[in-house]
Amino acid sequence: MVLSTLPYEYDCLAALKQVLPEASYIEVNPLPVDVGMQIIDDWLSSASRTVSQQQREIMTVAAKQCSLPLYLKLVFDQARRWYSYHTITSADLPVTIPTVISLLFDKLERQHGKMLVSRALSYITASPSGVAESELEDLLSCDDVVLQDVYQYWLPPVRRIPPLLWTRIRSEIDEYLVERETDNNRVIYWYHRQFIEVARARYLHNEGVVREIHSLCADYYLGTWANQEKPFKYTDKQ
């Protein structure tokens, strides 16, 4: 069995050292910069992509600051969307994992709408063990804030978000989600702690929002609106 843990946080390592001998541990150091860049090159090659010399120089500078595997993966995901005529600056590749994840969330919000993305990721992050995709679509469809944002200027025959909206969001972050089984249900959740922490700090930092998200989840799982229509407040534009 192989276990991994952070050296100083949560006291996990200290607890393990009380039961396992010193010879059982191997410290995992950051990758050498040349190895990290070779990994990114291999990923780019497998995706039939390449970068310009100027872009590569910025990537190399960033890799010198942080060469952790997760960071390299995030850099690759940024780089494969660049075009050769794009001039990249250091601001495009921050040197900390949380900041790069925030850039990813920024991009999602610009492409798919801030309200839809923030609520979808809030439901995933707020769930203790994950949420099924069918449940996530139901939760978003019961969320008046989301519905009013998606249907700003007209009312659909069925007041429910189109399934394609979440599918598009997931396609952008699929590699950072993990599917697992909980209570005989297939659920999705973040695969890495850093995504959980960034999502919580970004979307669930306000106590009022946290209460609202948990209240909507409680209504859904208790079946509050299962056999009756949920009241809906129309906007002036609708």
Protein backbone atom coordinates (compact mmCIF):
# COMPACT_ATOMS: atom_id res chain seq x y z
CA MET A 1 0.00 0.00 0.00
CA VAL A 2 1.24 3.48 -0.90
CA LEU A 3 0.05 6.52 1.06
CA SER A 4 0.84 10.14 0.32
CA THR A 5 0.49 13.06 2.68
CA LEU A 6 1.65 16.62 3.16
CA PRO A 7 4.65 16.94 5.48
CA TYR A 8 3.36 19.64 7.81
CA GLU A 9 -0.40 20.08 7.41
CA TYR A 10 -3.09 18.19 9.33
CA ASP A 11 -0.45 16.27 11.38
CA CYS A 12 -0.96 13.19 9.21
CA LEU A 13 2.75 12.57 8.80
CA ALA A 14 3.38 12.88 12.53
CA ALA A 15 0.64 10.35 13.21
CA LEU A 16 2.05 7.93 10.64
CA LYS A 17 5.53 8.17 12.12
CA GLN A 18 4.15 6.91 15.41
CA VAL A 19 3.13 3.60 13.83
CA LEU A 20 5.51 3.08 10.89
CA PRO A 21 9.32 2.93 10.95
CA GLU A 22 11.45 5.70 9.40
CA ALA A 23 12.51 3.41 6.55
CA SER A 24 8.92 3.40 5.29
CA TYR A 25 9.04 7.01 4.07
CA ILE A 26 10.25 8.57 0.84
CA GLU A 27 10.23 12.33 0.40
CA VAL A 28 8.83 13.34 -2.97
CA ASN A 29 10.72 16.42 -4.18
CA PRO A 30 9.65 18.83 -6.94
CA LEU A 31 10.60 17.72 -10.43
CA PRO A 32 13.75 19.17 -12.02
CA VAL A 33 12.86 21.96 -14.44
CA ASP A 34 14.16 20.12 -17.50
CA VAL A 35 12.12 17.05 -16.61
CA GLY A 36 9.03 19.17 -16.04
CA MET A 37 9.42 20.90 -19.40
CA GLN A 38 9.94 17.55 -21.11
CA ILE A 39 6.69 16.31 -19.59
CA ILE A 40 4.86 19.39 -20.89
CA ASP A 41 6.44 18.89 -24.32
CA ASP A 42 5.25 15.28 -24.38
CA TRP A 43 1.73 16.35 -23.42
CA LEU A 44 1.71 19.03 -26.12
CA SER A 45 2.97 16.53 -28.67
CA SER A 46 0.23 14.06 -27.76
CA ALA A 47 -2.30 16.86 -28.23
CA SER A 48 -0.72 17.83 -31.58
CA ARG A 49 0.14 21.25 -30.22
CA THR A 50 3.31 23.31 -29.93
CA VAL A 51 4.34 26.67 -28.49
CA SER A 52 6.47 29.55 -29.73
CA GLN A 53 9.92 30.27 -28.35
CA GLN A 54 8.62 33.27 -26.42
CA GLN A 55 5.82 31.22 -24.89
CA ARG A 56 8.25 28.45 -23.97
CA GLU A 57 10.52 30.92 -22.19
CA ILE A 58 7.63 32.11 -20.03
CA MET A 59 6.69 28.50 -19.27
CA THR A 60 10.28 27.70 -18.30
CA VAL A 61 10.44 30.66 -15.92
CA ALA A 62 7.17 29.52 -14.33
CA ALA A 63 8.39 25.92 -14.03
CA LYS A 64 11.50 27.13 -12.21
CA GLN A 65 9.23 28.66 -9.57
CA CYS A 66 6.94 25.64 -9.24
CA SER A 67 7.52 22.25 -10.84
CA LEU A 68 4.90 20.23 -8.99
CA PRO A 69 3.02 17.79 -11.26
CA LEU A 70 -0.36 19.46 -10.71
CA TYR A 71 1.09 22.84 -11.60
CA LEU A 72 2.66 21.45 -14.77
CA LYS A 73 -0.69 19.94 -15.76
CA LEU A 74 -2.42 23.29 -15.26
CA VAL A 75 0.29 25.03 -17.31
CA PHE A 76 -0.18 22.51 -20.09
CA ASP A 77 -3.93 23.07 -20.10
CA GLN A 78 -3.29 26.78 -20.53
CA ALA A 79 -0.59 26.34 -23.18
CA ARG A 80 -2.53 24.00 -25.44
CA ARG A 81 -5.07 26.77 -26.02
CA TRP A 82 -2.49 29.36 -27.06
CA TYR A 83 -1.85 30.31 -30.66
CA SER A 84 1.62 31.03 -31.97
CA TYR A 85 0.80 34.72 -32.40
CA HIS A 86 -0.21 35.11 -28.73
CA THR A 87 2.30 37.07 -26.67
CA ILE A 88 2.30 35.52 -23.21
CA THR A 89 3.41 37.38 -20.10
CA SER A 90 4.19 36.21 -16.59
CA ALA A 91 0.69 37.34 -15.58
CA ASP A 92 -0.73 34.58 -17.78
CA LEU A 93 1.15 31.94 -15.78
CA PRO A 94 1.16 32.71 -12.05
CA VAL A 95 3.63 30.64 -10.09
CA THR A 96 1.24 29.19 -7.50
CA ILE A 97 -1.27 26.42 -8.00
CA PRO A 98 -4.22 28.27 -6.36
CA THR A 99 -3.72 31.28 -8.62
CA VAL A 100 -3.63 29.15 -11.77
CA ILE A 101 -6.79 27.36 -10.64
CA SER A 102 -8.41 30.76 -10.14
CA LEU A 103 -7.46 31.64 -13.72
CA LEU A 104 -9.15 28.44 -14.86
CA PHE A 105 -12.32 29.40 -12.97
CA ASP A 106 -12.13 32.91 -14.48
CA LYS A 107 -12.09 31.38 -17.95
CA LEU A 108 -15.03 29.12 -17.15
CA GLU A 109 -17.06 32.09 -15.93
CA ARG A 110 -16.29 34.13 -19.04
CA GLN A 111 -17.23 31.28 -21.36
CA HIS A 112 -20.27 29.85 -19.61
CA GLY A 113 -21.56 32.62 -17.36
CA LYS A 114 -20.45 33.58 -13.88
CA MET A 115 -23.68 32.68 -12.11
CA LEU A 116 -24.08 29.24 -13.71
CA VAL A 117 -20.44 28.28 -13.11
CA SER A 118 -20.32 29.59 -9.55
CA ARG A 119 -23.48 27.74 -8.54
CA ALA A 120 -22.51 24.49 -10.26
CA LEU A 121 -19.08 24.45 -8.63
CA SER A 122 -20.61 25.52 -5.31
CA TYR A 123 -22.91 22.49 -5.25
CA ILE A 124 -20.01 20.16 -6.05
CA THR A 125 -17.78 21.73 -3.41
CA ALA A 126 -20.46 21.95 -0.72
CA SER A 127 -21.37 18.28 -1.00
CA PRO A 128 -19.46 16.24 1.60
CA SER A 129 -18.80 13.25 -0.65
CA GLY A 130 -19.81 14.35 -4.13
CA VAL A 131 -22.95 14.85 -6.18
CA ALA A 132 -24.45 12.82 -9.00
CA GLU A 133 -24.68 14.63 -12.32
CA SER A 134 -28.43 14.09 -12.48
CA GLU A 135 -28.70 15.59 -8.99
CA LEU A 136 -26.54 18.54 -10.02
CA GLU A 137 -28.81 19.29 -12.96
CA ASP A 138 -31.84 19.04 -10.66
CA LEU A 139 -30.24 21.36 -8.11
CA LEU A 140 -29.39 23.94 -10.77
CA SER A 141 -32.92 23.67 -12.15
CA CYS A 142 -34.37 24.33 -8.69
CA ASP A 143 -32.12 27.35 -8.17
CA ASP A 144 -34.08 30.49 -9.04
CA VAL A 145 -30.88 32.55 -9.28
CA VAL A 146 -29.54 30.23 -11.98
CA LEU A 147 -32.84 30.06 -13.87
CA GLN A 148 -33.20 33.83 -13.91
CA ASP A 149 -29.68 34.15 -15.24
CA VAL A 150 -30.06 31.48 -17.93
CA TYR A 151 -33.53 32.64 -19.00
CA GLN A 152 -33.11 36.39 -18.68
CA TYR A 153 -35.37 37.44 -21.52
CA TRP A 154 -37.82 34.61 -22.08
CA LEU A 155 -39.55 31.72 -20.34
CA PRO A 156 -39.04 28.15 -21.56
CA PRO A 157 -41.93 25.65 -21.81
CA VAL A 158 -40.25 23.65 -19.03
CA ARG A 159 -38.46 25.64 -16.36
CA ARG A 160 -35.27 23.59 -16.28
CA ILE A 161 -31.72 24.25 -17.40
CA PRO A 162 -30.67 22.57 -20.66
CA PRO A 163 -28.44 19.56 -19.84
CA LEU A 164 -25.91 20.77 -22.40
CA LEU A 165 -24.96 23.71 -20.16
CA TRP A 166 -23.38 21.50 -17.51
CA THR A 167 -21.92 19.17 -20.14
CA ARG A 168 -19.99 22.08 -21.63
CA ILE A 169 -18.64 23.13 -18.24
CA ARG A 170 -17.60 19.61 -17.36
CA SER A 171 -15.74 19.19 -20.64
CA GLU A 172 -13.44 22.02 -19.53
CA ILE A 173 -12.65 20.57 -16.08
CA ASP A 174 -13.26 16.87 -16.58
CA GLU A 175 -9.65 15.94 -15.82
CA TYR A 176 -9.90 17.65 -12.44
CA LEU A 177 -13.00 15.75 -11.37
CA VAL A 178 -13.16 12.19 -10.14
CA GLU A 179 -16.08 9.78 -10.29
CA ARG A 180 -16.66 7.52 -7.32
CA GLU A 181 -19.43 5.46 -5.78
CA THR A 182 -21.23 6.70 -2.68
CA ASP A 183 -24.33 5.00 -1.27
CA ASN A 184 -24.67 3.01 -4.51
CA ASN A 185 -24.69 6.23 -6.53
CA ARG A 186 -22.10 7.43 -9.02
CA VAL A 187 -21.00 10.90 -7.92
CA ILE A 188 -18.43 13.47 -9.02
CA TYR A 189 -16.09 15.48 -6.84
CA TRP A 190 -12.80 17.34 -7.07
CA TYR A 191 -9.86 15.00 -7.40
CA HIS A 192 -7.35 17.27 -5.67
CA ARG A 193 -7.43 19.16 -2.38
CA GLN A 194 -6.24 22.40 -3.99
CA PHE A 195 -9.36 22.62 -6.16
CA ILE A 196 -11.55 22.17 -3.08
CA GLU A 197 -9.73 24.93 -1.22
CA VAL A 198 -9.80 27.39 -4.12
CA ALA A 199 -13.48 26.70 -4.86
CA ARG A 200 -14.41 27.16 -1.19
CA ALA A 201 -12.48 30.42 -0.93
CA ARG A 202 -13.96 31.70 -4.18
CA TYR A 203 -17.58 30.57 -4.04
CA LEU A 204 -18.35 29.62 -0.43
CA HIS A 205 -16.55 32.33 1.52
CA ASN A 206 -19.79 34.16 2.31
CA GLU A 207 -21.83 32.67 5.15
CA GLY A 208 -25.08 33.79 3.56
CA VAL A 209 -24.26 32.01 0.31
CA VAL A 210 -23.26 28.87 2.20
CA ARG A 211 -26.59 28.84 4.05
CA GLU A 212 -28.46 29.37 0.78
CA ILE A 213 -26.64 26.53 -0.98
CA HIS A 214 -27.21 24.12 1.90
CA SER A 215 -30.85 25.18 2.18
CA LEU A 216 -31.43 24.49 -1.52
CA CYS A 217 -29.71 21.12 -1.17
CA ALA A 218 -31.87 20.27 1.85
CA ASP A 219 -35.06 21.16 -0.03
CA TYR A 220 -34.00 18.97 -2.92
CA TYR A 221 -32.99 15.89 -0.94
CA LEU A 222 -36.03 16.17 1.33
CA GLY A 223 -38.25 16.23 -1.76
CA THR A 224 -39.83 19.56 -0.86
CA TRP A 225 -40.77 20.30 -4.47
CA ALA A 226 -41.18 16.70 -5.64
CA ASN A 227 -44.98 16.79 -5.89
CA GLN A 228 -45.67 20.49 -6.23
CA GLU A 229 -44.52 23.42 -8.30
CA LYS A 230 -41.89 25.62 -6.76
CA PRO A 231 -42.92 29.30 -6.63
CA PHE A 232 -40.98 31.38 -9.13
CA LYS A 233 -40.45 35.13 -9.14
CA TYR A 234 -40.55 36.62 -12.61
CA THR A 235 -38.32 39.51 -13.57
CA ASP A 236 -39.51 42.60 -15.44
CA LYS A 237 -37.69 41.43 -18.58
CA GLN A 238 -39.51 38.11 -18.50
